N, C-alpha and C. Protein backbone atom coordinates (compact mmCIF):
# COMPACT_ATOMS: atom_id res chain seq x y z
N MET A 1 -8.17 -27.91 20.93
CA MET A 1 -9.29 -27.99 19.68
C MET A 1 -9.70 -28.90 19.76
N ASN A 2 -10.65 -29.40 19.19
CA ASN A 2 -11.76 -30.26 19.12
C ASN A 2 -12.15 -30.69 17.80
N ALA A 3 -13.10 -31.63 17.04
CA ALA A 3 -12.91 -32.14 16.39
C ALA A 3 -13.82 -31.43 15.23
N GLN A 4 -14.77 -30.59 16.04
CA GLN A 4 -15.77 -29.39 15.49
C GLN A 4 -15.17 -28.44 14.75
N THR A 5 -14.24 -27.76 15.44
CA THR A 5 -13.49 -26.72 15.20
C THR A 5 -12.35 -27.04 14.04
N ASP A 6 -11.97 -28.39 13.62
CA ASP A 6 -11.02 -29.20 12.53
C ASP A 6 -11.53 -28.79 11.02
N TRP A 7 -13.13 -29.25 11.42
CA TRP A 7 -13.75 -29.11 10.59
C TRP A 7 -14.09 -27.99 9.85
N TRP A 8 -14.39 -26.68 11.18
CA TRP A 8 -15.01 -24.93 10.59
C TRP A 8 -13.51 -24.69 9.78
N THR A 9 -12.11 -25.78 10.06
CA THR A 9 -11.06 -24.93 9.10
C THR A 9 -10.90 -25.50 8.28
N LEU A 10 -11.15 -26.81 8.32
CA LEU A 10 -10.66 -27.00 6.70
C LEU A 10 -11.86 -26.83 6.17
N ALA A 11 -13.22 -26.38 6.00
CA ALA A 11 -14.23 -26.46 5.95
C ALA A 11 -13.48 -24.43 4.86
N ALA A 12 -13.18 -23.80 5.95
CA ALA A 12 -13.09 -22.60 5.21
C ALA A 12 -11.55 -22.61 4.60
N ILE A 13 -10.97 -22.95 5.06
CA ILE A 13 -10.00 -23.40 3.60
C ILE A 13 -10.15 -24.14 2.13
N VAL A 14 -11.05 -24.53 2.20
CA VAL A 14 -11.00 -25.01 0.84
C VAL A 14 -12.59 -23.92 0.44
N GLY A 15 -13.35 -23.39 1.24
CA GLY A 15 -13.77 -22.48 0.08
C GLY A 15 -13.48 -21.01 -0.17
N LEU A 16 -11.91 -20.68 0.78
CA LEU A 16 -11.23 -19.54 0.85
C LEU A 16 -10.62 -20.09 -0.97
N ALA A 17 -9.49 -21.24 -0.43
CA ALA A 17 -9.55 -21.51 -2.00
C ALA A 17 -10.17 -21.35 -3.38
N GLY A 18 -11.66 -22.04 -2.60
CA GLY A 18 -12.30 -22.31 -4.60
C GLY A 18 -12.73 -20.35 -4.22
N VAL A 19 -13.31 -19.62 -3.32
CA VAL A 19 -13.52 -18.18 -3.77
C VAL A 19 -11.91 -17.36 -4.65
N THR A 20 -10.48 -18.28 -3.81
CA THR A 20 -9.48 -17.71 -5.07
C THR A 20 -9.56 -18.22 -6.03
N VAL A 21 -9.79 -19.22 -6.44
CA VAL A 21 -9.47 -19.95 -7.61
C VAL A 21 -10.69 -19.61 -8.92
N LEU A 22 -11.66 -19.92 -8.41
CA LEU A 22 -13.05 -18.95 -9.15
C LEU A 22 -12.86 -17.69 -9.61
N THR A 23 -12.32 -16.63 -8.85
CA THR A 23 -11.40 -15.29 -8.93
C THR A 23 -11.08 -14.93 -9.92
N ARG A 24 -10.01 -15.87 -9.48
CA ARG A 24 -8.69 -15.84 -10.75
C ARG A 24 -8.55 -16.60 -11.85
N CYS A 25 -9.40 -17.76 -11.79
CA CYS A 25 -9.85 -17.79 -13.54
C CYS A 25 -11.05 -17.25 -14.15
N PHE A 26 -11.87 -17.10 -12.87
CA PHE A 26 -13.25 -15.65 -13.87
C PHE A 26 -12.70 -15.21 -15.39
N PHE A 27 -12.26 -15.50 -16.14
CA PHE A 27 -12.08 -14.30 -17.39
C PHE A 27 -11.87 -15.20 -18.61
N PHE A 28 -11.10 -16.40 -17.67
CA PHE A 28 -10.64 -17.96 -18.79
C PHE A 28 -12.41 -17.88 -18.90
N ILE A 29 -12.78 -18.51 -18.22
CA ILE A 29 -14.30 -18.85 -17.89
C ILE A 29 -14.87 -18.75 -18.99
N LEU A 30 -15.37 -17.33 -19.64
CA LEU A 30 -15.69 -16.50 -19.62
C LEU A 30 -15.54 -16.64 -21.30
N ASP A 31 -16.28 -17.38 -22.31
CA ASP A 31 -17.55 -17.68 -23.51
C ASP A 31 -16.73 -17.05 -24.35
N ARG A 32 -16.99 -15.10 -23.38
CA ARG A 32 -16.30 -14.10 -24.67
C ARG A 32 -15.77 -13.49 -24.35
N PRO A 33 -14.94 -11.98 -25.34
CA PRO A 33 -13.82 -11.18 -24.75
C PRO A 33 -14.99 -10.93 -23.90
N TRP A 34 -14.54 -9.72 -22.90
CA TRP A 34 -15.22 -8.91 -21.52
C TRP A 34 -13.28 -7.81 -21.70
N THR A 35 -15.10 -6.82 -22.04
CA THR A 35 -14.38 -5.17 -21.70
C THR A 35 -15.13 -4.82 -20.85
N MET A 36 -13.93 -3.75 -20.73
CA MET A 36 -14.00 -2.65 -19.82
C MET A 36 -14.25 -1.51 -19.44
N PRO A 37 -15.89 -1.04 -19.15
CA PRO A 37 -15.86 0.54 -19.21
C PRO A 37 -15.60 0.79 -19.51
N GLY A 38 -15.22 2.55 -19.98
CA GLY A 38 -14.58 3.52 -20.21
C GLY A 38 -14.17 4.04 -18.87
N TRP A 39 -15.38 4.10 -18.08
CA TRP A 39 -14.70 4.81 -17.04
C TRP A 39 -14.11 4.81 -15.63
N ALA A 40 -14.53 2.59 -15.76
CA ALA A 40 -13.71 2.06 -15.34
C ALA A 40 -12.52 1.83 -15.65
N HIS A 41 -12.05 2.39 -16.64
CA HIS A 41 -10.45 2.21 -16.72
C HIS A 41 -10.26 3.41 -16.81
N ARG A 42 -10.44 4.81 -16.79
CA ARG A 42 -9.71 5.69 -16.12
C ARG A 42 -9.64 5.63 -14.55
N ALA A 43 -10.92 5.13 -14.64
CA ALA A 43 -10.58 5.08 -11.95
C ALA A 43 -9.67 4.93 -11.95
N LEU A 44 -9.14 2.98 -12.89
CA LEU A 44 -7.68 2.01 -12.64
C LEU A 44 -6.53 2.86 -12.98
N HIS A 45 -6.75 3.65 -13.81
CA HIS A 45 -5.71 4.97 -13.08
C HIS A 45 -4.75 5.26 -12.25
N TYR A 46 -5.82 5.78 -11.01
CA TYR A 46 -5.90 6.35 -10.06
C TYR A 46 -5.85 5.82 -8.81
N ALA A 47 -6.43 4.86 -8.62
CA ALA A 47 -6.36 3.42 -7.86
C ALA A 47 -5.55 3.50 -7.45
N PRO A 48 -3.61 3.07 -8.57
CA PRO A 48 -2.51 3.44 -6.93
C PRO A 48 -2.45 4.25 -6.33
N VAL A 49 -2.72 5.91 -7.38
CA VAL A 49 -2.18 6.58 -6.65
C VAL A 49 -2.99 6.56 -4.68
N ALA A 50 -4.33 6.80 -4.89
CA ALA A 50 -4.79 6.82 -3.86
C ALA A 50 -4.66 5.49 -2.94
N ALA A 51 -4.37 4.39 -3.27
CA ALA A 51 -3.89 3.66 -2.12
C ALA A 51 -2.86 3.51 -2.05
N LEU A 52 -1.99 4.18 -2.36
CA LEU A 52 -0.51 4.65 -1.49
C LEU A 52 -0.50 5.72 -1.23
N ALA A 53 -1.35 6.75 -0.90
CA ALA A 53 -1.59 7.28 0.09
C ALA A 53 -2.39 7.12 0.43
N GLY A 54 -2.80 6.43 1.05
CA GLY A 54 -4.30 5.95 2.01
C GLY A 54 -2.57 4.56 3.03
N VAL A 55 -2.36 4.47 2.39
CA VAL A 55 -1.00 3.87 3.39
C VAL A 55 0.08 4.80 3.42
N VAL A 56 0.39 4.95 2.87
CA VAL A 56 2.31 5.84 3.07
C VAL A 56 1.70 7.03 4.47
N ALA A 57 0.90 8.04 3.97
CA ALA A 57 -0.05 9.15 4.55
C ALA A 57 0.01 9.09 6.09
N PRO A 58 -1.32 8.33 6.46
CA PRO A 58 -1.19 7.26 7.63
C PRO A 58 0.48 7.47 8.41
N GLU A 59 1.36 6.62 7.27
CA GLU A 59 2.77 5.75 7.99
C GLU A 59 3.55 7.57 8.65
N VAL A 60 3.39 8.82 7.86
CA VAL A 60 3.72 9.88 8.46
C VAL A 60 3.42 10.62 9.22
N VAL A 61 2.11 10.98 9.33
CA VAL A 61 2.11 11.63 9.75
C VAL A 61 1.01 11.13 11.22
N MET A 62 1.40 9.96 11.25
CA MET A 62 0.25 9.46 13.21
C MET A 62 1.85 8.50 13.64
N GLN A 63 1.13 8.53 14.63
CA GLN A 63 2.25 7.58 15.71
C GLN A 63 1.85 6.99 16.50
N GLN A 64 1.67 5.95 16.57
CA GLN A 64 0.48 4.69 17.74
C GLN A 64 -0.55 5.38 18.24
N GLY A 65 -1.83 5.53 16.43
CA GLY A 65 -2.47 5.87 16.36
C GLY A 65 -3.30 7.78 16.58
N GLN A 66 -1.98 8.33 16.98
CA GLN A 66 -2.17 9.68 17.66
C GLN A 66 -1.36 10.30 16.02
N VAL A 67 -1.83 11.68 15.97
CA VAL A 67 -1.31 12.36 15.41
C VAL A 67 -0.74 12.73 15.23
N ILE A 68 1.12 13.56 15.26
CA ILE A 68 2.17 13.58 15.67
C ILE A 68 2.13 15.23 16.00
N ALA A 69 2.36 15.81 17.02
CA ALA A 69 2.46 16.86 17.77
C ALA A 69 3.25 18.02 18.14
N SER A 70 5.11 17.04 17.19
CA SER A 70 6.00 17.97 16.96
C SER A 70 6.75 17.66 15.88
N TRP A 71 6.82 18.86 14.92
CA TRP A 71 7.46 18.78 14.38
C TRP A 71 9.07 18.20 13.65
N GLN A 72 9.50 17.59 14.99
CA GLN A 72 10.83 17.43 15.40
C GLN A 72 10.44 15.81 15.31
N ASP A 73 10.39 14.85 13.69
CA ASP A 73 10.05 14.32 12.94
C ASP A 73 10.72 13.79 11.90
N ALA A 74 11.40 12.73 11.82
CA ALA A 74 12.28 12.52 11.12
C ALA A 74 11.43 11.77 9.60
N ARG A 75 9.94 11.47 9.58
CA ARG A 75 9.89 10.66 8.83
C ARG A 75 8.75 11.95 8.67
N LEU A 76 8.45 13.07 8.20
CA LEU A 76 7.71 14.89 8.20
C LEU A 76 9.25 15.22 7.04
N PHE A 77 10.18 15.28 7.63
CA PHE A 77 11.62 15.68 6.32
C PHE A 77 12.32 15.02 5.53
N GLY A 78 11.86 13.52 5.47
CA GLY A 78 11.50 12.21 4.60
C GLY A 78 11.07 12.22 4.18
N SER A 79 9.58 12.76 3.94
CA SER A 79 8.61 12.41 2.80
C SER A 79 8.73 13.94 2.17
N VAL A 80 8.99 14.77 2.53
CA VAL A 80 9.14 16.35 1.94
C VAL A 80 10.02 15.93 0.91
N ALA A 81 11.29 15.97 1.50
CA ALA A 81 12.64 15.75 0.44
C ALA A 81 12.25 14.60 -0.70
N GLY A 82 11.58 13.29 -0.31
CA GLY A 82 11.15 12.63 -1.25
C GLY A 82 10.93 13.27 -2.24
N ALA A 83 9.40 13.70 -1.90
CA ALA A 83 8.17 14.36 -2.42
C ALA A 83 8.97 15.55 -3.54
N ALA A 84 9.82 15.52 -3.34
CA ALA A 84 10.50 17.03 -3.49
C ALA A 84 11.18 16.85 -4.50
N LEU A 85 12.20 16.20 -5.16
CA LEU A 85 12.53 14.64 -5.68
C LEU A 85 12.25 13.95 -6.12
N TYR A 86 11.15 13.26 -6.67
CA TYR A 86 10.38 12.97 -7.46
C TYR A 86 9.86 13.50 -8.23
N PHE A 87 9.21 15.38 -7.98
CA PHE A 87 8.78 16.22 -8.49
C PHE A 87 9.86 16.60 -9.47
N TRP A 88 11.30 17.03 -8.54
CA TRP A 88 12.22 17.10 -9.58
C TRP A 88 12.57 16.04 -10.45
N ARG A 89 12.52 15.43 -10.35
CA ARG A 89 13.53 14.55 -11.90
C ARG A 89 11.91 13.43 -12.23
N HIS A 90 11.71 12.62 -11.47
CA HIS A 90 10.97 11.57 -11.79
C HIS A 90 11.63 10.56 -11.25
N SER A 91 12.25 10.15 -10.78
CA SER A 91 13.06 9.41 -10.06
C SER A 91 12.13 8.44 -9.57
N VAL A 92 11.93 6.99 -8.99
CA VAL A 92 11.26 6.58 -7.84
C VAL A 92 12.61 6.04 -6.60
N LEU A 93 13.77 5.40 -7.60
CA LEU A 93 14.63 5.20 -7.31
C LEU A 93 15.33 6.32 -6.36
N LEU A 94 15.14 8.11 -6.97
CA LEU A 94 16.08 8.56 -7.00
C LEU A 94 14.92 8.91 -5.06
N THR A 95 13.66 9.04 -5.15
CA THR A 95 12.83 9.16 -4.58
C THR A 95 13.52 9.02 -3.50
N ILE A 96 13.49 7.07 -3.39
CA ILE A 96 12.91 6.95 -1.71
C ILE A 96 14.52 7.06 -1.38
N ALA A 97 15.50 6.73 -2.49
CA ALA A 97 17.50 7.39 -1.96
C ALA A 97 17.42 8.33 -1.63
N GLY A 98 16.36 9.17 -1.32
CA GLY A 98 16.79 10.76 -1.03
C GLY A 98 15.68 10.92 0.43
N GLY A 99 14.92 9.98 -0.24
CA GLY A 99 14.04 10.20 1.08
C GLY A 99 14.83 9.66 2.73
N MET A 100 15.51 8.58 1.89
CA MET A 100 16.54 7.97 3.21
C MET A 100 17.57 8.62 3.72
N ALA A 101 18.17 9.17 2.68
CA ALA A 101 19.08 10.04 2.77
C ALA A 101 19.15 10.97 4.20
N VAL A 102 18.21 11.86 3.70
CA VAL A 102 17.03 12.69 4.85
C VAL A 102 17.05 11.75 6.00
N TYR A 103 16.27 11.13 6.32
CA TYR A 103 15.51 9.57 7.22
C TYR A 103 16.05 9.80 8.89
N LEU A 104 17.47 8.52 7.96
CA LEU A 104 18.82 8.27 8.51
C LEU A 104 18.86 9.57 8.88
N PRO A 105 19.68 10.05 9.09
CA PRO A 105 20.68 11.27 9.72
C PRO A 105 19.50 11.87 10.97
N LEU A 106 18.36 12.40 10.62
CA LEU A 106 17.38 12.29 11.99
C LEU A 106 16.17 11.49 12.51
N HIS A 107 17.04 10.59 12.33
CA HIS A 107 16.22 9.59 13.03
C HIS A 107 17.44 8.82 14.40
N VAL A 108 18.63 8.90 13.15
CA VAL A 108 19.40 7.93 14.01
C VAL A 108 20.40 8.75 14.63
N GLY A 109 21.00 9.58 13.98
CA GLY A 109 22.06 10.31 14.97
C GLY A 109 21.28 10.99 16.43
N LEU A 110 19.69 12.50 15.58
CA LEU A 110 19.38 12.74 16.23
C LEU A 110 18.14 12.50 17.50
N GLY A 111 18.02 10.94 16.97
CA GLY A 111 16.79 10.41 17.58
C GLY A 111 15.48 11.09 17.61
N TRP A 112 14.88 11.56 16.22
CA TRP A 112 13.32 11.85 16.27
C TRP A 112 12.37 10.52 15.37
């Protein structure tokens, strides 16, 4: 590592810290109350579901960048059981516990 690299690293850290402070304090800096448009407020209701689907769905149906070719995958059965329990009881804890109760025996016991 040379002196120029150290300066670039320091500049990047200071710049990122400045951007972080500015974005986090943006609403405190404004002199008047800021209201969100109605369409943006409605869209934020769907953001967690979209983010969760974007993260969880590829983990369930893909392995090492390839779509799984066999139905003998414990993740498929665990996710179906978890989804069924959620729609039945609307409990996140029961969803996690039930999905893992199906996933673990299949993964550990059968090696799926």
